[in-house]
Amino acid sequence: MNARLWRDGEPIAMTCDKTGRPQHFRWGSHTHQVEHVCNRWRVHEGWWRDKEYGWREYIKIATSDGLLCLVVRDLQNDVWFLVRLYD
């Protein structure tokens, strides 16, 4: 399996339900419906550094149009990014 990786992430607009489960996201000019949440985990970014970094939530999702991707939510700023797209 190959993957395309964006180190800094590609900004996306995510819509979630009341429980926080991703429903669909807009990337560029396309909207992708989330069909399945494969897994999710939280990481405190940079905890080993002297600077203050916040928590991020990583979510691997499959879309109804066949994408398998990893998105990340910056929990401190409530912004979403696409960081990996699997082929």
C-alpha atoms as a PDB file:
ATOM      1  CA  MET A   1       0.000   0.000   0.000  1.00  0.00           C
ATOM      2  CA  ASN A   2       1.314   3.447  -0.941  1.00  0.00           C
ATOM      3  CA  ALA A   3       0.413   6.673   0.770  1.00  0.00           C
ATOM      4  CA  ARG A   4       0.580  10.361   0.090  1.00  0.00           C
ATOM      5  CA  LEU A   5       1.709  12.303   3.149  1.00  0.00           C
ATOM      6  CA  TRP A   6       1.381  15.990   3.952  1.00  0.00           C
ATOM      7  CA  ARG A   7       3.718  16.771   6.842  1.00  0.00           C
ATOM      8  CA  ASP A   8       1.916  20.011   7.782  1.00  0.00           C
ATOM      9  CA  GLY A   9      -1.489  18.715   6.701  1.00  0.00           C
ATOM     10  CA  GLU A  10      -3.945  19.900   4.103  1.00  0.00           C
ATOM     11  CA  PRO A  11      -6.691  22.044   5.691  1.00  0.00           C
ATOM     12  CA  ILE A  12     -10.172  20.489   5.526  1.00  0.00           C
ATOM     13  CA  ALA A  13     -13.618  21.464   6.779  1.00  0.00           C
ATOM     14  CA  MET A  14     -15.014  18.588   8.866  1.00  0.00           C
ATOM     15  CA  THR A  15     -18.617  18.119   9.969  1.00  0.00           C
ATOM     16  CA  CYS A  16     -19.250  15.851  12.953  1.00  0.00           C
ATOM     17  CA  ASP A  17     -22.391  14.548  14.635  1.00  0.00           C
ATOM     18  CA  LYS A  18     -23.354  15.345  18.264  1.00  0.00           C
ATOM     19  CA  THR A  19     -21.040  12.616  19.577  1.00  0.00           C
ATOM     20  CA  GLY A  20     -18.013  13.961  17.671  1.00  0.00           C
ATOM     21  CA  ARG A  21     -18.037  11.247  15.004  1.00  0.00           C
ATOM     22  CA  PRO A  22     -16.923  12.634  11.610  1.00  0.00           C
ATOM     23  CA  GLN A  23     -19.755  12.693   9.046  1.00  0.00           C
ATOM     24  CA  HIS A  24     -18.210  14.360   5.988  1.00  0.00           C
ATOM     25  CA  PHE A  25     -15.383  16.685   5.066  1.00  0.00           C
ATOM     26  CA  ARG A  26     -14.638  19.174   2.360  1.00  0.00           C
ATOM     27  CA  TRP A  27     -11.181  19.074   0.775  1.00  0.00           C
ATOM     28  CA  GLY A  28     -10.637  21.527  -2.037  1.00  0.00           C
ATOM     29  CA  SER A  29     -13.796  21.570  -4.124  1.00  0.00           C
ATOM     30  CA  HIS A  30     -14.960  18.058  -3.157  1.00  0.00           C
ATOM     31  CA  THR A  31     -17.078  16.818  -0.268  1.00  0.00           C
ATOM     32  CA  HIS A  32     -16.388  13.281   0.993  1.00  0.00           C
ATOM     33  CA  GLN A  33     -18.930  11.326   3.044  1.00  0.00           C
ATOM     34  CA  VAL A  34     -17.409   9.320   5.912  1.00  0.00           C
ATOM     35  CA  GLU A  35     -18.551   5.717   5.606  1.00  0.00           C
ATOM     36  CA  HIS A  36     -16.500   4.168   8.404  1.00  0.00           C
ATOM     37  CA  VAL A  37     -14.238   5.315  11.239  1.00  0.00           C
ATOM     38  CA  CYS A  38     -11.481   2.691  11.289  1.00  0.00           C
ATOM     39  CA  ASN A  39      -9.780   3.893  14.463  1.00  0.00           C
ATOM     40  CA  ARG A  40      -8.952   7.020  16.433  1.00  0.00           C
ATOM     41  CA  TRP A  41      -6.395   8.038  19.020  1.00  0.00           C
ATOM     42  CA  ARG A  42      -5.125  11.146  20.802  1.00  0.00           C
ATOM     43  CA  VAL A  43      -1.530  12.282  21.129  1.00  0.00           C
ATOM     44  CA  HIS A  44      -0.003  15.172  23.035  1.00  0.00           C
ATOM     45  CA  GLU A  45       2.245  16.640  20.353  1.00  0.00           C
ATOM     46  CA  GLY A  46       5.699  17.636  21.463  1.00  0.00           C
ATOM     47  CA  TRP A  47       5.334  16.619  25.112  1.00  0.00           C
ATOM     48  CA  TRP A  48       9.069  15.912  25.176  1.00  0.00           C
ATOM     49  CA  ARG A  49       9.985  19.483  24.149  1.00  0.00           C
ATOM     50  CA  ASP A  50      10.307  22.586  26.299  1.00  0.00           C
ATOM     51  CA  LYS A  51       7.596  24.448  24.380  1.00  0.00           C
ATOM     52  CA  GLU A  52       3.905  23.986  25.070  1.00  0.00           C
ATOM     53  CA  TYR A  53       2.135  21.882  22.452  1.00  0.00           C
ATOM     54  CA  GLY A  54      -1.435  20.725  22.491  1.00  0.00           C
ATOM     55  CA  TRP A  55      -3.394  17.566  22.021  1.00  0.00           C
ATOM     56  CA  ARG A  56      -4.291  16.201  18.592  1.00  0.00           C
ATOM     57  CA  GLU A  57      -6.797  13.547  17.664  1.00  0.00           C
ATOM     58  CA  TYR A  58      -5.933  11.272  14.751  1.00  0.00           C
ATOM     59  CA  ILE A  59      -8.769   9.509  12.930  1.00  0.00           C
ATOM     60  CA  LYS A  60      -8.379   6.966  10.132  1.00  0.00           C
ATOM     61  CA  ILE A  61     -11.509   7.028   7.976  1.00  0.00           C
ATOM     62  CA  ALA A  62     -12.912   5.354   4.882  1.00  0.00           C
ATOM     63  CA  THR A  63     -15.165   7.424   2.636  1.00  0.00           C
ATOM     64  CA  SER A  64     -18.124   6.392   0.521  1.00  0.00           C
ATOM     65  CA  ASP A  65     -16.158   7.312  -2.624  1.00  0.00           C
ATOM     66  CA  GLY A  66     -13.341   4.882  -1.781  1.00  0.00           C
ATOM     67  CA  LEU A  67     -10.738   6.990   0.012  1.00  0.00           C
ATOM     68  CA  LEU A  68      -8.835   5.701   3.023  1.00  0.00           C
ATOM     69  CA  CYS A  69      -7.272   8.613   4.820  1.00  0.00           C
ATOM     70  CA  LEU A  70      -5.879   9.883   8.067  1.00  0.00           C
ATOM     71  CA  VAL A  71      -7.193  13.174   9.364  1.00  0.00           C
ATOM     72  CA  VAL A  72      -6.078  15.068  12.424  1.00  0.00           C
ATOM     73  CA  ARG A  73      -7.904  17.536  14.619  1.00  0.00           C
ATOM     74  CA  ASP A  74      -5.934  20.123  16.567  1.00  0.00           C
ATOM     75  CA  LEU A  75      -7.973  20.007  19.782  1.00  0.00           C
ATOM     76  CA  GLN A  76      -6.610  23.284  21.107  1.00  0.00           C
ATOM     77  CA  ASN A  77      -7.626  25.309  18.031  1.00  0.00           C
ATOM     78  CA  ASP A  78     -10.429  23.052  16.756  1.00  0.00           C
ATOM     79  CA  VAL A  79      -9.022  22.854  13.214  1.00  0.00           C
ATOM     80  CA  TRP A  80      -8.820  19.792  10.953  1.00  0.00           C
ATOM     81  CA  PHE A  81      -6.201  18.596   8.481  1.00  0.00           C
ATOM     82  CA  LEU A  82      -5.838  15.750   6.021  1.00  0.00           C
ATOM     83  CA  VAL A  83      -2.380  14.298   6.701  1.00  0.00           C
ATOM     84  CA  ARG A  84      -2.310  11.022   4.790  1.00  0.00           C
ATOM     85  CA  LEU A  85      -4.151   9.525   1.819  1.00  0.00           C
ATOM     86  CA  TYR A  86      -3.665   5.789   1.230  1.00  0.00           C
ATOM     87  CA  ASP A  87      -3.699   4.262  -2.271  1.00  0.00           C
END
